[in-house]
């Protein structure tokens, strides 16, 4: 049997045709825009009511207000209680939800076409007649605060929080989440006022795709939304982001962490920038997939990580370029070296013809797949409308991708990838990360998981500093999920080595591999918990007869802080 075909790469298939029906577009007298795409292949209708306002439009000092409002929209209306509304949606077999993003707010719905009128009526109930019950607001605030506590245990959240602040500063994009105090002070009156100002028809577009007839559906929309009063569309007055002339590094200290979450970022492009498609191809070559330069370098060649990527966050007003990876703590410095090598290379070397062809084939090939479902096509049209993209954006997408040249890739890389002025955030054990990362940044700060600055001095190891006496019994109190757990630590010291026992309500543990450097202690503690062997990583700083530090374990996502005294 002739198997010569195995020696050559198969020829690419023909491009998948991309042909969507021409949308029907109109506008009500109150300014509500309507876009309808008729598609009778399946008895389904997908709808979006999209507003051109989002979390960045929160009033000053009221971060989180838009998120609270959208969460409470389906918790009660003039006609339905929260439970009745949920039961009504379930009985129709429909999906109905509301969400807020940075730039926009979306009401999403999908249903069998036979029930489109009932679901459209429910959308009108949510948008026009919400009641924002006080008891539901209180429950929302409790859940949001508890959710925030969990988020703060996640390194990705901590990295995003610090990076938003570093790149955008006082710009609303610089806040990725309200804090606990901001959530607590949200009131029902403030939500009602925000809803009145932002949920106006001349700030919205209703998009429907599926088994509908344009004229009939338009009449249904007119009957439900025609009396909706238009309002004043407020123009955003946004502060400028900070300018950066050199590299800046923020380390979020998670003592005992076995990995370091690395994020590098700088300002880039907005969503409707003319360079968008050139940047898209550039990023595909650099770090958007498993065949990209970053991935092949840090994972395939070096084995530092499971994956390394770059992304373009093209928002309405300002966008950013970002490169990320989660690496073993011990190779943080080597990983940074390879990141900067690849960021410089994409700027200084024109991509090869194979790289360019692969990137364009992927982007142009995957695009039609995103529009195969009603939901996918709806999302594309929503983005086209909300970001003021050209009328032929969808039809010419692949043409513009395929027109990008290698010279253009190198040009936009030099314009939007700025390794010498980049902001760096690393979430990990600051004591282990700082020595490795120091050479890569001119300005460095260290903060805790709540963003509070920590003194650099406590992470500096002075080889001439005398080893402190830390032997004896210590009474510690560990903060465990909001509760104080007493722990007794008995240490024996032999020069710069320590051993001993740890006793707590979960059992006893042996202190192993312990060491003292100046006034810093580190050790592992082997213990049994409910019949399972666990290892705790113990790190402490001694000041006389006082000790503070953290205990971490793979069973708990965030290090537990402790404080105590020698007894």
Protein backbone atom coordinates (compact mmCIF):
# COMPACT_ATOMS: atom_id res chain seq x y z
CA UNK A 1 0.00 0.00 0.00
CA UNK A 2 1.39 3.38 -1.01
CA UNK A 3 1.58 5.66 2.03
CA UNK A 4 3.57 8.53 0.50
CA UNK A 5 0.66 10.81 1.41
CA UNK A 6 1.85 10.67 5.02
CA UNK A 7 5.02 12.57 4.07
CA UNK A 8 3.33 15.81 3.09
CA UNK A 9 0.91 18.18 4.80
CA UNK A 10 -2.61 18.01 3.35
CA UNK A 11 -3.70 21.01 1.33
CA UNK A 12 -6.01 23.40 3.20
CA UNK A 13 -9.72 23.08 2.62
CA UNK A 14 -11.70 25.73 0.82
CA UNK A 15 -12.72 28.68 2.96
CA UNK A 16 -16.07 28.20 4.70
CA UNK A 17 -18.59 30.57 3.12
CA UNK A 18 -19.76 33.37 5.38
CA UNK A 19 -23.08 34.72 4.29
CA UNK A 20 -25.63 36.20 6.67
CA UNK A 21 -28.99 37.69 5.73
CA UNK A 22 -29.10 41.45 5.51
CA UNK A 23 -30.42 42.74 8.87
CA UNK A 24 -33.64 44.72 9.03
CA UNK A 25 -32.92 47.95 10.90
CA UNK A 26 -35.31 50.58 12.18
CA UNK A 27 -35.79 52.94 15.10
CA UNK A 28 -38.76 53.84 17.29
CA UNK A 29 -39.76 57.43 17.88
CA UNK A 30 -38.20 57.30 21.36
CA UNK A 31 -34.79 56.40 19.92
CA UNK A 32 -34.77 52.63 20.57
CA UNK A 33 -32.87 51.02 17.70
CA UNK A 34 -34.08 47.67 16.38
CA UNK A 35 -32.04 45.12 14.43
CA UNK A 36 -33.74 41.92 13.21
CA UNK A 37 -32.15 39.04 11.29
CA UNK A 38 -34.69 36.55 9.94
CA UNK A 39 -33.54 32.93 10.15
CA UNK A 40 -36.30 30.33 9.95
CA UNK A 41 -34.05 27.25 9.86
CA UNK A 42 -34.86 26.51 13.51
CA UNK A 43 -37.90 27.49 15.65
CA UNK A 44 -35.72 29.55 18.00
CA UNK A 45 -35.28 33.26 18.68
CA UNK A 46 -32.28 34.87 20.36
CA UNK A 47 -32.62 38.43 21.68
CA UNK A 48 -30.35 41.05 23.20
CA UNK A 49 -31.29 44.42 24.63
CA UNK A 50 -27.96 46.23 24.75
CA UNK A 51 -27.22 49.49 26.56
CA UNK A 52 -24.18 51.65 25.83
CA UNK A 53 -23.36 52.11 29.49
CA UNK A 54 -21.65 49.84 31.98
CA UNK A 55 -19.56 49.65 35.12
CA UNK A 56 -17.32 52.56 34.11
CA UNK A 57 -20.42 54.77 34.34
CA UNK A 58 -20.83 54.14 38.07
CA UNK A 59 -21.15 57.48 39.91
CA UNK A 60 -17.96 58.61 41.64
CA UNK A 61 -17.58 56.87 44.98
CA UNK A 62 -20.25 54.27 44.14
CA UNK A 63 -18.25 51.49 42.48
CA UNK A 64 -20.37 48.39 42.04
CA UNK A 65 -23.69 50.22 41.64
CA UNK A 66 -24.26 49.12 38.03
CA UNK A 67 -23.49 45.50 38.92
CA UNK A 68 -25.93 45.64 41.82
CA UNK A 69 -28.65 47.13 39.62
CA UNK A 70 -28.30 44.48 36.91
CA UNK A 71 -28.24 41.64 39.45
CA UNK A 72 -31.49 42.91 41.01
CA UNK A 73 -33.39 43.53 37.76
CA UNK A 74 -34.77 39.98 37.74
CA UNK A 75 -35.51 39.89 41.47
CA UNK A 76 -38.95 41.43 41.18
CA UNK A 77 -41.10 43.59 38.87
CA UNK A 78 -44.45 45.30 39.04
CA UNK A 79 -46.13 42.08 37.89
CA UNK A 80 -43.90 39.30 39.27
CA UNK A 81 -42.04 38.52 42.45
CA UNK A 82 -38.54 37.07 42.15
CA UNK A 83 -39.85 33.53 42.53
CA UNK A 84 -42.79 34.04 40.14
CA UNK A 85 -40.45 35.46 37.52
CA UNK A 86 -38.08 32.50 37.80
CA UNK A 87 -41.00 30.05 37.55
CA UNK A 88 -42.40 31.88 34.52
CA UNK A 89 -39.07 31.68 32.70
CA UNK A 90 -38.70 28.00 33.57
CA UNK A 91 -42.24 27.16 32.42
CA UNK A 92 -41.51 28.76 29.04
CA UNK A 93 -38.26 26.79 28.73
CA UNK A 94 -36.50 30.08 28.08
CA UNK A 95 -33.26 31.70 29.20
CA UNK A 96 -33.30 35.26 30.50
CA UNK A 97 -30.42 37.03 32.25
CA UNK A 98 -28.87 40.45 32.76
CA UNK A 99 -25.19 41.30 33.07
CA UNK A 100 -22.99 44.38 33.22
CA UNK A 101 -19.58 44.75 31.61
CA UNK A 102 -17.16 47.63 31.73
CA UNK A 103 -18.61 49.41 28.69
CA UNK A 104 -22.07 47.89 28.22
CA UNK A 105 -25.05 46.27 29.88
CA UNK A 106 -26.88 43.36 28.25
CA UNK A 107 -30.26 41.71 28.72
CA UNK A 108 -29.98 38.24 27.14
CA UNK A 109 -32.85 35.97 26.17
CA UNK A 110 -33.44 32.89 24.04
CA UNK A 111 -36.66 30.98 23.52
CA UNK A 112 -38.69 28.84 21.17
CA UNK A 113 -40.26 31.14 18.58
CA UNK A 114 -43.73 30.10 19.77
CA UNK A 115 -43.05 31.92 23.07
CA UNK A 116 -41.19 34.95 21.76
CA UNK A 117 -44.06 37.28 22.65
CA UNK A 118 -44.15 36.08 26.26
CA UNK A 119 -40.37 36.38 26.62
CA UNK A 120 -40.34 39.84 25.04
CA UNK A 121 -42.97 40.81 27.60
CA UNK A 122 -40.71 39.55 30.39
CA UNK A 123 -37.84 41.66 29.01
CA UNK A 124 -40.09 44.69 29.13
CA UNK A 125 -41.04 43.85 32.73
CA UNK A 126 -37.40 43.64 33.79
CA UNK A 127 -36.31 46.80 32.04
CA UNK A 128 -39.30 49.09 32.52
CA UNK A 129 -40.86 48.01 35.81
CA UNK A 130 -38.24 46.60 38.23
CA UNK A 131 -38.98 47.04 41.93
CA UNK A 132 -35.50 46.40 43.42
CA UNK A 133 -36.82 44.87 46.68
CA UNK A 134 -34.93 45.92 49.80
CA UNK A 135 -34.64 42.33 51.08
CA UNK A 136 -33.14 41.19 47.77
CA UNK A 137 -30.64 44.06 47.90
CA UNK A 138 -29.55 43.03 51.40
CA UNK A 139 -29.10 39.44 50.25
CA UNK A 140 -27.17 40.60 47.20
CA UNK A 141 -24.78 42.64 49.35
CA UNK A 142 -24.16 39.72 51.70
CA UNK A 143 -23.41 37.38 48.79
CA UNK A 144 -21.24 39.96 47.03
CA UNK A 145 -19.12 40.51 50.14
CA UNK A 146 -18.67 36.77 50.66
CA UNK A 147 -17.82 36.38 46.99
CA UNK A 148 -15.23 39.13 47.30
CA UNK A 149 -13.55 37.25 50.16
CA UNK A 150 -13.24 34.22 47.92
CA UNK A 151 -11.95 36.31 45.00
CA UNK A 152 -9.19 37.70 47.20
CA UNK A 153 -7.93 34.16 47.71
CA UNK A 154 -7.43 33.75 43.95
CA UNK A 155 -4.11 34.90 42.46
CA UNK A 156 -5.72 35.75 39.10
CA UNK A 157 -8.06 38.24 40.78
CA UNK A 158 -5.20 39.82 42.75
CA UNK A 159 -3.12 40.17 39.58
CA UNK A 160 -6.00 41.73 37.61
CA UNK A 161 -6.74 44.16 40.43
CA UNK A 162 -3.19 45.47 40.65
CA UNK A 163 -2.67 45.53 36.90
CA UNK A 164 -5.85 47.55 36.26
CA UNK A 165 -4.63 50.09 38.81
CA UNK A 166 -1.13 50.20 37.32
CA UNK A 167 -2.20 50.61 33.68
CA UNK A 168 -5.28 52.81 34.01
CA UNK A 169 -4.75 54.67 37.30
CA UNK A 170 -7.75 56.88 38.15
CA UNK A 171 -9.55 56.03 34.90
CA UNK A 172 -12.66 53.88 35.62
CA UNK A 173 -10.97 50.97 33.85
CA UNK A 174 -8.51 51.06 36.75
CA UNK A 175 -11.07 49.52 39.15
CA UNK A 176 -11.92 45.89 38.50
CA UNK A 177 -14.08 45.32 41.58
CA UNK A 178 -15.75 47.32 44.36
CA UNK A 179 -14.40 46.84 47.84
CA UNK A 180 -16.39 45.65 50.85
CA UNK A 181 -17.21 49.14 52.11
CA UNK A 182 -18.45 50.25 48.68
CA UNK A 183 -20.76 47.24 48.48
CA UNK A 184 -22.11 47.83 51.99
CA UNK A 185 -23.14 51.43 51.32
CA UNK A 186 -25.19 50.74 48.16
CA UNK A 187 -28.80 51.84 48.69
CA UNK A 188 -32.05 51.12 46.91
CA UNK A 189 -32.59 54.82 46.15
CA UNK A 190 -29.21 55.01 44.39
CA UNK A 191 -30.05 51.96 42.29
CA UNK A 192 -33.42 53.43 41.29
CA UNK A 193 -31.77 56.72 40.29
CA UNK A 194 -29.09 54.96 38.23
CA UNK A 195 -31.73 52.85 36.48
CA UNK A 196 -33.71 55.96 35.63
CA UNK A 197 -30.67 57.70 34.10
CA UNK A 198 -29.04 54.80 32.25
CA UNK A 199 -31.92 52.60 31.12
CA UNK A 200 -33.30 54.90 28.47
CA UNK A 201 -34.41 53.89 24.95
CA UNK A 202 -32.13 56.29 23.08
CA UNK A 203 -29.17 54.57 24.76
CA UNK A 204 -30.24 51.05 23.72
CA UNK A 205 -30.57 48.65 20.80
CA UNK A 206 -32.82 45.59 20.66
CA UNK A 207 -31.40 42.80 18.50
CA UNK A 208 -33.34 39.67 17.53
CA UNK A 209 -32.18 36.77 15.38
CA UNK A 210 -34.23 33.74 14.48
CA UNK A 211 -37.65 32.56 13.43
CA UNK A 212 -39.43 35.93 13.31
CA UNK A 213 -41.01 38.21 10.72
CA UNK A 214 -39.56 41.69 10.85
CA UNK A 215 -42.74 43.72 10.49
CA UNK A 216 -44.72 41.58 12.94
CA UNK A 217 -41.95 41.61 15.51
CA UNK A 218 -41.42 45.34 15.13
CA UNK A 219 -45.08 45.88 15.96
CA UNK A 220 -44.73 43.74 19.09
CA UNK A 221 -41.71 45.77 20.18
CA UNK A 222 -43.58 49.01 19.51
CA UNK A 223 -46.48 47.82 21.66
CA UNK A 224 -44.25 47.02 24.63
CA UNK A 225 -41.55 49.70 24.39
CA UNK A 226 -43.19 52.51 22.42
CA UNK A 227 -44.16 54.50 25.56
CA UNK A 228 -40.70 54.22 27.07
CA UNK A 229 -39.57 57.80 27.69
CA UNK A 230 -36.28 58.89 26.21
CA UNK A 231 -33.68 60.61 28.38
CA UNK A 232 -30.40 62.46 28.17
CA UNK A 233 -27.44 60.33 27.13
CA UNK A 234 -24.61 61.43 29.39
CA UNK A 235 -21.19 61.86 27.82
CA UNK A 236 -18.36 60.29 29.78
CA UNK A 237 -15.69 62.67 31.08
CA UNK A 238 -12.87 60.24 31.74
CA UNK A 239 -9.46 61.09 33.21
CA UNK A 240 -6.33 60.28 31.25
CA UNK A 241 -4.40 57.13 32.25
CA UNK A 242 -0.93 57.49 33.79
CA UNK A 243 2.11 57.84 31.54
CA UNK A 244 4.96 55.43 32.19
CA UNK A 245 8.58 56.10 31.19
CA UNK A 246 10.14 52.94 32.66
CA UNK A 247 9.23 49.49 33.90
CA UNK A 248 7.30 49.24 37.14
CA UNK A 249 6.81 46.07 39.18
CA UNK A 250 4.18 45.32 41.81
CA UNK A 251 4.60 42.09 43.78
CA UNK A 252 1.48 40.84 45.56
CA UNK A 253 2.87 38.84 48.45
CA UNK A 254 1.41 35.36 49.00
CA UNK A 255 3.94 33.78 51.38
CA UNK A 256 4.57 30.11 50.74
CA UNK A 257 3.06 30.17 47.25
CA UNK A 258 4.58 27.47 45.05
CA UNK A 259 3.94 29.39 41.85
CA UNK A 260 4.17 32.95 40.58
CA UNK A 261 1.44 34.54 38.45
CA UNK A 262 3.14 36.91 36.01
CA UNK A 263 1.27 39.66 34.15
CA UNK A 264 2.90 42.27 31.87
CA UNK A 265 0.76 45.02 30.37
CA UNK A 266 0.69 48.43 28.69
CA UNK A 267 -1.91 50.63 27.05
CA UNK A 268 -2.80 49.64 23.48
CA UNK A 269 -5.80 50.17 21.20
CA UNK A 270 -9.51 50.83 21.49
CA UNK A 271 -11.96 48.46 19.78
CA UNK A 272 -12.62 50.62 16.71
CA UNK A 273 -8.97 51.53 16.06
CA UNK A 274 -7.95 51.23 12.37
CA UNK A 275 -5.00 49.06 13.44
CA UNK A 276 -7.25 46.46 15.07
CA UNK A 277 -6.81 43.69 12.48
CA UNK A 278 -3.04 44.22 12.26
CA UNK A 279 -2.76 43.97 16.04
CA UNK A 280 -4.99 40.87 15.98
CA UNK A 281 -2.61 39.07 13.62
CA UNK A 282 0.46 40.28 15.55
CA UNK A 283 -0.96 38.95 18.81
CA UNK A 284 -1.85 35.61 17.22
CA UNK A 285 1.81 35.15 16.28
CA UNK A 286 3.11 36.33 19.64
CA UNK A 287 0.93 34.57 22.18
CA UNK A 288 -2.70 33.84 21.30
CA UNK A 289 -2.47 30.07 20.98
CA UNK A 290 -0.54 26.85 21.49
CA UNK A 291 1.62 27.43 18.39
CA UNK A 292 2.54 31.00 19.32
CA UNK A 293 6.03 32.19 20.19
CA UNK A 294 5.41 32.65 23.91
CA UNK A 295 3.81 29.23 24.30
CA UNK A 296 6.49 27.44 22.33
CA UNK A 297 9.25 29.17 24.27
CA UNK A 298 8.13 29.06 27.90
CA UNK A 299 6.26 25.76 27.78
CA UNK A 300 7.57 23.61 24.97
CA UNK A 301 11.25 24.61 25.05
CA UNK A 302 11.83 25.66 28.67
CA UNK A 303 9.12 23.74 30.54
CA UNK A 304 8.53 26.62 32.95
CA UNK A 305 4.73 26.55 32.75
CA UNK A 306 1.62 24.87 31.37
CA UNK A 307 0.99 27.87 29.14
CA UNK A 308 2.10 31.41 28.28
CA UNK A 309 -0.15 33.78 26.37
CA UNK A 310 -0.70 37.33 25.21
CA UNK A 311 -4.01 39.13 24.74
CA UNK A 312 -5.44 42.35 23.37
CA UNK A 313 -8.18 43.87 25.52
CA UNK A 314 -9.69 46.35 23.06
CA UNK A 315 -12.29 48.30 25.04
CA UNK A 316 -14.45 51.22 23.90
CA UNK A 317 -12.29 54.05 25.23
CA UNK A 318 -8.86 52.56 25.90
CA UNK A 319 -7.40 49.13 25.41
CA UNK A 320 -4.38 47.24 26.66
CA UNK A 321 -1.86 44.62 25.61
CA UNK A 322 -1.17 41.87 28.14
CA UNK A 323 1.16 38.89 28.42
CA UNK A 324 0.62 36.30 31.18
CA UNK A 325 1.78 33.00 32.60
CA UNK A 326 1.76 30.99 35.82
CA UNK A 327 5.22 29.60 36.50
CA UNK A 328 7.04 27.73 39.25
CA UNK A 329 8.35 30.21 41.79
CA UNK A 330 11.92 29.02 41.30
CA UNK A 331 11.93 30.03 37.60
CA UNK A 332 10.25 33.44 37.92
CA UNK A 333 13.39 35.31 36.86
CA UNK A 334 14.14 32.98 33.93
CA UNK A 335 10.51 33.28 32.79
CA UNK A 336 10.70 37.08 32.82
CA UNK A 337 13.89 36.87 30.75
CA UNK A 338 12.08 34.82 28.08
CA UNK A 339 9.03 37.11 28.14
CA UNK A 340 11.16 40.14 27.37
CA UNK A 341 13.11 38.21 24.76
CA UNK A 342 9.88 37.46 22.87
CA UNK A 343 8.47 40.98 23.33
CA UNK A 344 11.66 42.40 21.82
CA UNK A 345 11.69 39.81 19.02
CA UNK A 346 8.14 40.57 17.83
CA UNK A 347 9.21 44.22 17.56
CA UNK A 348 12.60 43.67 15.92
CA UNK A 349 12.00 40.68 13.62
CA UNK A 350 9.44 40.55 10.86
CA UNK A 351 7.42 37.32 11.18
CA UNK A 352 8.23 34.48 8.86
CA UNK A 353 5.92 33.73 5.96
CA UNK A 354 4.79 30.51 7.66
CA UNK A 355 3.95 32.35 10.91
CA UNK A 356 1.97 34.95 9.01
CA UNK A 357 0.04 32.38 6.96
CA UNK A 358 -0.74 30.23 10.03
CA UNK A 359 -2.02 33.22 12.02
CA UNK A 360 -4.23 34.48 9.20
CA UNK A 361 -5.55 31.00 8.40
CA UNK A 362 -6.55 30.48 12.02
CA UNK A 363 -8.26 33.87 12.44
CA UNK A 364 -10.10 33.75 9.14
CA UNK A 365 -10.97 30.07 9.55
CA UNK A 366 -12.39 30.27 13.07
CA UNK A 367 -14.45 33.40 12.41
CA UNK A 368 -17.37 31.71 10.57
CA UNK A 369 -17.56 29.09 13.33
CA UNK A 370 -18.27 31.86 15.84
CA UNK A 371 -21.32 32.82 13.77
CA UNK A 372 -22.72 29.31 13.25
CA UNK A 373 -25.13 29.53 16.19
CA UNK A 374 -27.77 32.18 16.76
CA UNK A 375 -26.11 33.16 20.02
CA UNK A 376 -22.71 33.53 18.37
CA UNK A 377 -24.04 35.61 15.50
CA UNK A 378 -26.04 37.74 17.93
CA UNK A 379 -22.92 38.45 19.97
CA UNK A 380 -21.03 39.52 16.84
CA UNK A 381 -23.78 41.93 15.84
CA UNK A 382 -23.99 43.29 19.39
CA UNK A 383 -20.24 44.00 19.34
CA UNK A 384 -20.50 45.62 15.92
CA UNK A 385 -23.21 47.95 17.17
CA UNK A 386 -21.85 48.75 20.64
CA UNK A 387 -18.32 49.53 19.46
CA UNK A 388 -19.39 51.58 16.42
CA UNK A 389 -17.80 49.20 13.92
CA UNK A 390 -18.41 49.66 10.17
CA UNK A 391 -21.61 48.33 8.61
CA UNK A 392 -19.62 45.79 6.59
CA UNK A 393 -17.48 44.68 9.55
CA UNK A 394 -18.73 41.07 9.57
CA UNK A 395 -18.71 40.69 5.79
CA UNK A 396 -15.15 42.03 5.39
CA UNK A 397 -13.57 40.51 8.53
CA UNK A 398 -11.64 37.76 6.75
CA UNK A 399 -10.65 40.04 3.90
CA UNK A 400 -9.06 42.51 6.34
CA UNK A 401 -7.29 39.76 8.27
CA UNK A 402 -5.81 38.29 5.09
CA UNK A 403 -4.62 41.72 3.91
CA UNK A 404 -2.24 42.14 6.87
CA UNK A 405 1.46 42.10 5.89
CA UNK A 406 4.58 41.17 7.82
CA UNK A 407 5.73 44.79 7.75
CA UNK A 408 2.43 45.87 9.33
CA UNK A 409 2.80 43.26 12.06
CA UNK A 410 6.23 44.63 12.95
CA UNK A 411 4.97 48.22 12.83
CA UNK A 412 2.06 47.68 15.23
CA UNK A 413 4.26 45.59 17.53
CA UNK A 414 6.59 48.58 17.87
CA UNK A 415 3.63 50.86 18.50
CA UNK A 416 1.61 48.77 20.94
CA UNK A 417 4.06 46.35 22.62
CA UNK A 418 6.24 48.49 24.91
CA UNK A 419 8.62 46.31 26.94
CA UNK A 420 10.65 49.27 28.24
CA UNK A 421 7.60 51.06 29.67
CA UNK A 422 5.55 48.05 30.68
CA UNK A 423 3.75 47.49 33.99
CA UNK A 424 4.56 44.20 35.70
CA UNK A 425 2.55 42.39 38.38
CA UNK A 426 3.68 39.17 40.01
CA UNK A 427 1.52 37.36 42.56
CA UNK A 428 3.61 35.00 44.65
CA UNK A 429 5.99 34.63 47.57
CA UNK A 430 7.67 38.05 47.64
CA UNK A 431 10.70 36.78 49.54
CA UNK A 432 11.43 34.26 46.76
CA UNK A 433 10.29 36.42 43.82
CA UNK A 434 12.01 39.73 44.65
CA UNK A 435 15.63 38.59 44.17
CA UNK A 436 14.74 37.08 40.78
CA UNK A 437 12.64 39.97 39.47
CA UNK A 438 14.61 42.94 40.78
CA UNK A 439 16.78 43.35 37.67
CA UNK A 440 13.76 43.64 35.36
CA UNK A 441 12.18 46.80 36.82
CA UNK A 442 13.33 50.26 37.85
CA UNK A 443 10.48 50.84 40.31
CA UNK A 444 9.27 48.07 42.66
CA UNK A 445 6.57 47.93 45.31
CA UNK A 446 5.27 45.05 47.40
CA UNK A 447 1.68 44.84 48.63
CA UNK A 448 -0.39 42.30 50.54
CA UNK A 449 -3.51 40.55 49.22
CA UNK A 450 -5.63 43.57 50.19
CA UNK A 451 -3.38 45.96 48.28
CA UNK A 452 -1.75 47.49 51.36
CA UNK A 453 1.95 48.37 50.89
CA UNK A 454 4.54 46.24 52.68
CA UNK A 455 8.01 47.45 53.62
CA UNK A 456 10.72 46.29 51.23
CA UNK A 457 13.10 45.96 54.16
CA UNK A 458 11.44 42.87 55.55
CA UNK A 459 12.22 41.02 52.30
CA UNK A 460 15.86 42.05 52.18
CA UNK A 461 18.21 39.37 53.51
CA UNK A 462 21.20 40.93 55.25
CA UNK A 463 23.93 38.24 55.33
CA UNK A 464 25.69 40.09 58.16
CA UNK A 465 22.60 40.17 60.37
CA UNK A 466 22.95 37.88 63.42
CA UNK A 467 20.67 34.87 63.66
CA UNK A 468 18.01 35.53 66.26
CA UNK A 469 17.09 33.25 69.12
CA UNK A 470 13.66 31.86 68.28
CA UNK A 471 13.63 28.77 70.50
CA UNK A 472 10.89 28.12 73.02
CA UNK A 473 7.12 27.91 73.10
CA UNK A 474 5.00 30.31 71.04
CA UNK A 475 1.26 30.96 71.44
CA UNK A 476 -0.09 31.89 68.00
CA UNK A 477 -3.52 32.85 66.70
CA UNK A 478 -4.30 31.93 63.08
CA UNK A 479 -6.97 33.73 61.06
CA UNK A 480 -8.85 30.80 59.49
CA UNK A 481 -11.90 31.76 57.40
CA UNK A 482 -12.73 34.66 59.70
CA UNK A 483 -12.25 32.63 62.88
CA UNK A 484 -9.29 32.77 65.29
CA UNK A 485 -7.68 29.36 65.76
CA UNK A 486 -5.13 28.95 68.60
CA UNK A 487 -1.87 27.18 67.79
CA UNK A 488 1.05 26.26 70.04
CA UNK A 489 4.45 26.14 68.40
CA UNK A 490 7.41 24.62 70.30
CA UNK A 491 10.73 25.25 68.54
CA UNK A 492 14.23 23.96 69.15
CA UNK A 493 17.10 25.86 67.55
CA UNK A 494 20.56 24.63 66.56
CA UNK A 495 22.39 27.53 64.94
CA UNK A 496 20.35 28.45 61.85
CA UNK A 497 18.36 25.19 61.90
CA UNK A 498 15.06 24.66 63.71
CA UNK A 499 12.84 21.70 64.54
CA UNK A 500 9.94 21.13 66.87
CA UNK A 501 6.20 20.52 67.11
CA UNK A 502 3.00 22.35 66.26
CA UNK A 503 -0.23 21.68 68.15
CA UNK A 504 -3.68 22.90 67.14
CA UNK A 505 -7.32 21.86 67.23
CA UNK A 506 -6.76 19.82 64.05
CA UNK A 507 -3.92 17.79 65.60
CA UNK A 508 -0.15 17.71 66.02
CA UNK A 509 2.55 18.28 63.43
CA UNK A 510 6.31 17.86 63.13
CA UNK A 511 8.39 20.91 62.17
CA UNK A 512 10.81 19.86 59.41
CA UNK A 513 13.43 21.48 57.16
CA UNK A 514 13.33 24.60 59.30
CA UNK A 515 15.80 27.45 59.00
CA UNK A 516 16.45 30.89 60.47
CA UNK A 517 17.94 33.78 58.49
CA UNK A 518 18.30 36.89 60.58
CA UNK A 519 14.81 37.38 62.02
CA UNK A 520 13.02 35.24 59.41
CA UNK A 521 11.86 31.66 59.91
CA UNK A 522 10.76 29.16 57.30
CA UNK A 523 9.81 25.53 57.73
CA UNK A 524 7.44 22.80 56.61
CA UNK A 525 5.09 21.11 59.06
CA UNK A 526 3.90 17.56 58.42
CA UNK A 527 0.51 16.91 60.01
CA UNK A 528 -2.54 14.64 59.85
CA UNK A 529 -5.99 16.05 59.23
CA UNK A 530 -9.02 13.73 59.35
CA UNK A 531 -6.79 10.78 58.48
CA UNK A 532 -5.11 12.57 55.59
CA UNK A 533 -1.46 13.64 55.62
CA UNK A 534 -0.97 17.32 54.78
CA UNK A 535 2.05 19.58 54.54
CA UNK A 536 1.94 23.14 55.84
CA UNK A 537 4.42 25.82 54.76
CA UNK A 538 5.30 28.01 57.74
CA UNK A 539 6.89 31.47 57.29
CA UNK A 540 7.39 33.95 60.10
CA UNK A 541 9.16 37.17 61.09
CA UNK A 542 10.35 37.59 64.68
CA UNK A 543 10.56 40.89 66.53
CA UNK A 544 11.80 40.19 70.06
CA UNK A 545 9.15 37.98 71.66
CA UNK A 546 6.55 38.65 68.92
CA UNK A 547 6.06 36.71 65.71
CA UNK A 548 3.89 37.33 62.60
CA UNK A 549 3.64 35.39 59.39
CA UNK A 550 1.61 32.98 57.29
CA UNK A 551 0.82 29.28 57.07
CA UNK A 552 -0.18 27.88 53.70
CA UNK A 553 -1.24 24.52 52.30
CA UNK A 554 -2.50 23.23 48.97
CA UNK A 555 -5.84 22.37 50.63
CA UNK A 556 -6.62 26.06 51.25
CA UNK A 557 -6.42 28.58 48.36
CA UNK A 558 -4.99 31.51 50.35
CA UNK A 559 -2.26 31.67 53.00
CA UNK A 560 -3.55 32.00 56.59
CA UNK A 561 -2.09 34.89 58.57
CA UNK A 562 -0.99 34.47 62.18
CA UNK A 563 0.40 36.53 65.05
CA UNK A 564 1.53 35.62 68.57
CA UNK A 565 4.09 35.82 71.35
CA UNK A 566 6.72 33.65 72.97
CA UNK A 567 5.50 32.20 76.26
